[in-house]
Protein backbone atom coordinates (compact mmCIF):
# COMPACT_ATOMS: atom_id res chain seq x y z
CA MET A 1 -17.60 2.57 -0.08
CA ASN A 2 -14.48 3.62 -1.34
CA LEU A 3 -11.23 1.45 -1.72
CA ILE A 4 -9.75 2.53 1.68
CA GLU A 5 -12.94 1.90 3.73
CA SER A 6 -13.05 -1.45 2.12
CA ILE A 7 -9.57 -2.39 2.74
CA PHE A 8 -9.47 -1.22 6.46
CA LYS A 9 -12.97 -2.77 7.02
CA PRO A 10 -12.68 -4.83 10.26
CA ASP A 11 -14.86 -7.66 8.91
CA SER A 12 -12.62 -8.10 5.74
CA ILE A 13 -9.27 -8.11 7.62
CA GLN A 14 -10.85 -10.59 10.22
CA ASN A 15 -11.96 -12.93 7.22
CA PHE A 16 -8.59 -12.74 5.78
CA LEU A 17 -6.67 -13.52 8.94
CA LEU A 18 -9.24 -16.35 9.59
CA HIS A 19 -7.97 -18.25 6.39
CA ASN A 20 -4.41 -16.90 6.80
CA PRO A 21 -3.49 -17.13 10.39
CA GLU A 22 0.10 -16.91 9.53
CA TYR A 23 0.12 -13.10 8.72
CA ALA A 24 -1.77 -12.32 12.03
CA TRP A 25 1.47 -10.76 13.81
CA LEU A 26 2.27 -8.84 10.45
CA ALA A 27 -1.34 -7.33 10.43
CA VAL A 28 -1.27 -6.24 14.09
CA PHE A 29 2.49 -4.75 13.32
CA MET A 30 1.24 -3.04 10.17
CA LEU A 31 -1.89 -1.46 11.63
CA ALA A 32 -0.23 -0.38 14.54
CA PHE A 33 2.47 1.22 12.49
CA LEU A 34 -0.08 2.99 10.07
CA GLU A 35 -2.26 4.17 13.03
CA SER A 36 0.69 5.88 14.69
CA MET A 37 2.38 7.31 11.56
CA VAL A 38 1.99 11.12 11.04
CA ILE A 39 -0.02 10.90 7.69
CA THR A 40 -1.64 7.43 7.68
CA GLY A 41 -2.78 7.90 11.12
CA ASN A 42 -5.62 10.05 9.86
CA ILE A 43 -6.92 7.30 7.64
CA VAL A 44 -6.55 4.22 9.90
CA PRO A 45 -8.52 4.64 12.92
CA SER A 46 -7.47 2.86 16.20
CA ILE A 47 -10.62 0.85 16.37
CA VAL A 48 -9.51 -1.12 13.62
CA LEU A 49 -6.50 -2.17 15.33
CA PHE A 50 -8.29 -2.94 18.51
CA SER A 51 -11.07 -5.02 16.83
CA ILE A 52 -8.40 -7.07 14.97
CA CYS A 53 -6.44 -7.61 18.20
CA VAL A 54 -9.61 -8.48 20.24
CA TYR A 55 -10.52 -10.92 17.34
CA LEU A 56 -7.10 -12.64 17.15
CA PHE A 57 -7.14 -13.27 20.80
CA ASP A 58 -10.70 -14.61 20.76
CA GLN A 59 -10.17 -16.91 17.98
CA GLN A 60 -7.08 -18.00 19.80
CA ILE A 61 -4.95 -17.06 16.61
CA LEU A 62 -2.53 -14.95 18.71
CA ALA A 63 -1.85 -15.03 22.44
CA LEU A 64 -2.09 -11.61 24.48
CA TYR A 65 1.61 -11.78 25.43
CA LEU A 66 2.54 -11.70 21.47
CA ILE A 67 -0.08 -9.11 20.61
CA ALA A 68 0.98 -6.36 22.97
CA PRO A 69 4.60 -6.41 22.30
CA ILE A 70 3.97 -6.73 18.58
CA ALA A 71 1.54 -3.79 18.52
CA MET A 72 3.75 -1.79 20.57
CA SER A 73 6.77 -2.31 18.32
CA GLY A 74 4.82 -1.39 15.34
CA ALA A 75 3.33 1.82 17.07
CA HIS A 76 6.75 2.89 18.40
CA LEU A 77 8.31 2.61 14.72
CA GLY A 78 5.35 4.57 13.29
CA ASP A 79 5.97 7.32 15.80
CA LEU A 80 9.60 7.19 15.14
CA GLY A 81 8.76 7.42 11.23
CA GLY A 82 6.61 10.43 12.08
CA PHE A 83 9.29 12.08 14.15
CA LEU A 84 11.99 11.61 11.27
CA VAL A 85 9.46 12.80 8.60
CA GLY A 86 9.10 16.17 10.68
CA LYS A 87 12.68 16.41 11.48
CA TYR A 88 13.80 16.24 7.66
CA SER A 89 10.86 17.52 6.06
CA GLY A 90 9.19 19.72 8.62
CA ASP A 91 10.86 23.11 7.35
CA LYS A 92 9.44 22.53 3.77
CA VAL A 93 6.03 21.74 5.10
CA LEU A 94 5.92 24.95 7.18
CA SER A 95 7.33 26.95 4.47
CA LEU A 96 4.48 26.26 2.20
CA THR A 97 1.89 27.92 4.52
């Protein structure tokens, strides 16, 4: 198992959040952000975000009315970041091919 697989393994994230519930909102935001970004979206699968959100709700660490807007905000900013990368670096990337 490589480093990226061990970091984004749902079991290790769930174990961390069980012992550090104050970082739950940050984990949801960052996973949604990374999953929707243009390059990191290929590395971070959506199932990791989904399983973490279900776990946080099931363990009553975060309520559903908090999980949804936090995840939507992270995903929106990730999409916006991908748009800005394409806007300012798209011509450079296309000229390489």
